[in-house]
Protein backbone atom coordinates (compact mmCIF):
# COMPACT_ATOMS: atom_id res chain seq x y z
CA MET A 1 63.97 -72.50 -216.91
CA ALA A 2 65.78 -75.52 -215.55
CA ARG A 3 64.04 -78.89 -215.59
CA VAL A 4 63.03 -80.01 -212.10
CA ARG A 5 63.20 -83.65 -211.14
CA THR A 6 62.41 -85.61 -208.01
CA SER A 7 64.52 -88.31 -206.43
CA VAL A 8 64.67 -90.33 -203.25
CA ALA A 9 67.68 -89.43 -201.12
CA ALA A 10 70.24 -92.22 -200.81
CA LYS A 11 71.97 -90.29 -198.02
CA ASP A 12 71.38 -87.31 -195.74
CA TYR A 13 71.80 -83.77 -197.07
CA PRO A 14 71.69 -81.77 -193.82
CA ALA A 15 72.42 -78.45 -195.56
CA TYR A 16 69.11 -78.83 -197.40
CA GLY A 17 67.09 -80.48 -194.64
CA ILE A 18 66.85 -83.73 -196.60
CA LYS A 19 67.12 -87.09 -194.83
CA LYS A 20 67.88 -90.49 -196.30
CA GLY A 21 64.73 -91.92 -197.88
CA ASP A 22 63.02 -88.52 -198.30
CA THR A 23 61.79 -87.39 -201.70
CA TYR A 24 63.53 -84.22 -202.80
CA TRP A 25 63.60 -81.92 -205.82
CA HIS A 26 66.75 -81.13 -207.80
CA TRP A 27 67.61 -79.05 -210.85
CA THR A 28 70.72 -77.77 -212.60
CA PRO A 29 70.57 -74.34 -214.23
CA TYR A 30 72.71 -73.97 -217.34
CA ARG A 31 76.42 -73.89 -216.42
CA GLN A 32 75.71 -73.78 -212.71
CA LYS A 33 75.92 -76.20 -209.81
CA ARG A 34 73.14 -78.65 -209.08
CA ARG A 35 70.56 -77.32 -206.64
CA MET A 36 68.20 -79.26 -204.43
CA SER A 37 65.33 -78.66 -202.07
CA ALA A 38 63.13 -80.59 -199.65
CA THR A 39 60.13 -78.68 -201.05
CA PRO A 40 59.12 -78.02 -204.66
CA PRO A 41 61.12 -75.09 -206.02
CA ARG A 42 59.44 -71.84 -206.91
CA PRO A 43 59.71 -70.40 -210.44
CA SER A 44 62.18 -67.76 -209.26
CA GLN A 45 64.53 -70.53 -208.11
CA THR A 46 64.53 -72.45 -211.39
CA GLU A 47 64.54 -69.54 -213.85
CA THR A 48 67.92 -69.01 -215.50
CA ASN A 49 67.14 -65.54 -216.87
CA GLU A 50 67.99 -63.19 -214.00
CA THR A 51 65.43 -60.53 -214.94
CA LYS A 52 62.60 -63.04 -215.24
CA ALA A 53 63.70 -64.62 -211.95
CA ASP A 54 63.47 -61.18 -210.33
CA LEU A 55 59.94 -60.75 -211.70
CA TYR A 56 58.87 -64.16 -210.44
CA GLY A 57 60.42 -63.34 -207.06
CA ILE A 58 58.37 -60.13 -206.88
CA GLN A 59 55.21 -62.06 -207.71
CA GLU A 60 55.99 -64.72 -205.10
CA GLU A 61 56.72 -62.06 -202.48
CA MET A 62 53.40 -60.34 -203.22
CA SER A 63 51.53 -63.64 -203.03
CA ASP A 64 53.17 -64.52 -199.70
CA SER A 65 52.50 -61.04 -198.30
CA LEU A 66 48.85 -61.16 -199.36
CA ALA A 67 48.38 -64.57 -197.76
CA ALA A 68 49.99 -63.33 -194.54
CA ALA A 69 47.84 -60.18 -194.62
CA LEU A 70 44.62 -62.19 -194.67
CA LYS A 71 45.70 -64.00 -191.49
CA LEU A 72 45.87 -60.81 -189.44
CA GLU A 73 43.13 -60.20 -186.86
CA ALA A 74 42.02 -56.59 -187.33
CA PHE A 75 40.41 -55.55 -190.62
CA GLU A 76 42.40 -52.29 -190.76
CA ASP A 77 45.67 -54.20 -190.29
CA ARG A 78 44.73 -56.61 -193.06
CA LEU A 79 43.77 -53.76 -195.35
CA GLU A 80 47.04 -51.89 -194.73
CA ALA A 81 49.07 -55.07 -195.28
CA VAL A 82 47.29 -55.70 -198.60
CA LYS A 83 47.95 -52.12 -199.71
CA ALA A 84 51.61 -52.45 -198.73
CA ALA A 85 52.02 -55.74 -200.62
CA VAL A 86 50.52 -54.32 -203.81
CA GLU A 87 52.54 -51.10 -203.52
CA ALA A 88 55.79 -53.05 -203.00
CA ALA A 89 55.13 -55.23 -206.04
CA HIS A 90 54.30 -52.17 -208.12
CA GLU A 91 57.50 -50.38 -207.10
CA ASP A 92 59.78 -53.41 -207.44
CA SER A 93 58.43 -54.34 -210.86
CA GLU A 94 59.55 -50.99 -212.25
CA GLY A 95 63.15 -52.22 -212.11
CA VAL A 96 62.21 -55.35 -214.08
CA TYR A 97 60.43 -53.23 -216.69
CA GLU A 98 63.50 -51.02 -217.05
CA ALA A 99 65.83 -54.03 -217.20
CA PHE A 100 63.90 -55.62 -220.08
CA ASN A 101 63.94 -52.33 -222.01
CA GLU A 102 67.64 -51.80 -221.31
CA LYS A 103 68.46 -55.29 -222.58
CA ALA A 104 66.45 -54.62 -225.75
CA ASP A 105 68.24 -51.28 -226.24
CA ASN A 106 71.64 -52.95 -225.82
CA ILE A 107 70.83 -55.59 -228.42
CA GLU A 108 69.59 -52.97 -230.87
CA ASP A 109 72.67 -50.78 -230.27
CA GLY A 110 74.95 -53.75 -230.87
CA PHE A 111 73.28 -54.87 -234.09
CA GLY A 112 72.23 -51.42 -235.26
CA HIS A 113 68.64 -52.56 -235.82
CA GLU A 114 65.77 -54.33 -234.11
CA THR A 115 66.05 -58.13 -233.77
CA THR A 116 63.62 -60.88 -232.79
CA GLN A 117 65.26 -61.02 -229.36
CA SER A 118 64.87 -57.29 -228.81
CA GLU A 119 61.24 -57.51 -229.95
CA GLU A 120 60.62 -60.31 -227.46
CA LEU A 121 62.23 -58.31 -224.66
CA ARG A 122 60.06 -55.31 -225.53
CA GLU A 123 56.97 -57.55 -225.44
CA TRP A 124 57.99 -58.79 -222.00
CA ALA A 125 58.52 -55.20 -220.86
CA ASP A 126 55.07 -54.30 -222.19
CA GLU A 127 53.52 -57.21 -220.27
CA VAL A 128 55.23 -56.06 -217.07
CA GLU A 129 54.03 -52.51 -217.69
CA SER A 130 50.45 -53.77 -218.24
CA TRP A 131 50.64 -55.69 -214.97
CA ARG A 132 51.91 -52.57 -213.21
CA ASP A 133 48.97 -50.60 -214.65
CA GLU A 134 46.57 -53.27 -213.36
CA LEU A 135 48.18 -53.07 -209.92
CA ASP A 136 47.50 -49.31 -209.87
CA ASP A 137 43.79 -50.14 -209.61
CA TYR A 138 44.43 -52.20 -206.48
CA LYS A 139 46.55 -49.72 -204.50
CA GLU A 140 43.53 -48.00 -202.94
CA PRO A 141 40.63 -50.40 -202.42
CA GLU A 142 37.11 -49.03 -201.92
CA SER A 143 36.96 -50.25 -198.32
CA ASP A 144 34.24 -47.74 -197.36
CA ASP A 145 31.69 -49.71 -199.39
CA PRO A 146 29.50 -51.78 -197.00
CA ASP A 147 29.63 -54.73 -199.42
CA PHE A 148 33.44 -54.69 -199.56
CA ASP A 149 34.93 -58.17 -199.14
CA LEU A 150 38.70 -58.14 -198.61
CA GLU A 151 39.15 -61.83 -199.44
CA ASN A 152 37.45 -61.40 -202.85
CA PHE A 153 39.44 -58.23 -203.42
CA VAL A 154 42.72 -60.05 -202.78
CA ALA A 155 41.65 -62.98 -204.97
CA SER A 156 41.01 -60.56 -207.85
CA ILE A 157 44.52 -59.04 -207.75
CA PRO A 158 46.36 -60.17 -210.93
CA ASP A 159 49.31 -62.50 -210.40
CA GLY A 160 51.41 -61.00 -213.16
CA PRO A 161 52.95 -62.21 -216.39
CA GLN A 162 54.49 -65.66 -216.79
CA PHE A 163 56.84 -66.10 -219.71
């Protein structure tokens, strides 16, 4: 993950919405151009490992979708939006799980045996799979229960692994 720093703009950066005198965030991923933002960057923006960045992006998308769902007026609309957000995260994370396993397989095929890197990738894949299993429990909430509280239900949804 790239180190994020803050600075005060000495000039305008209109492409980033930064004006002279504003505090902004900047970071430089390994062997890439410097990036900057008027707001603090999200983990998916600063992560240099593409697969982990995808995972963080899925988590951020789910978090944003859940927050937007709770702002809807009708209970049924909120409930459907929560279900959709959890289902989307569950489906999208399958690709991340497969990518970690594929990377581990490629390393093992290249070396002819298991390495510490392939073990780490398998551990990451296992963590993603565990998160996916946890999300299965949240796909169909027990909304028929008279004591059901959607806000508490959403707050209990696991955020996912952070590496």
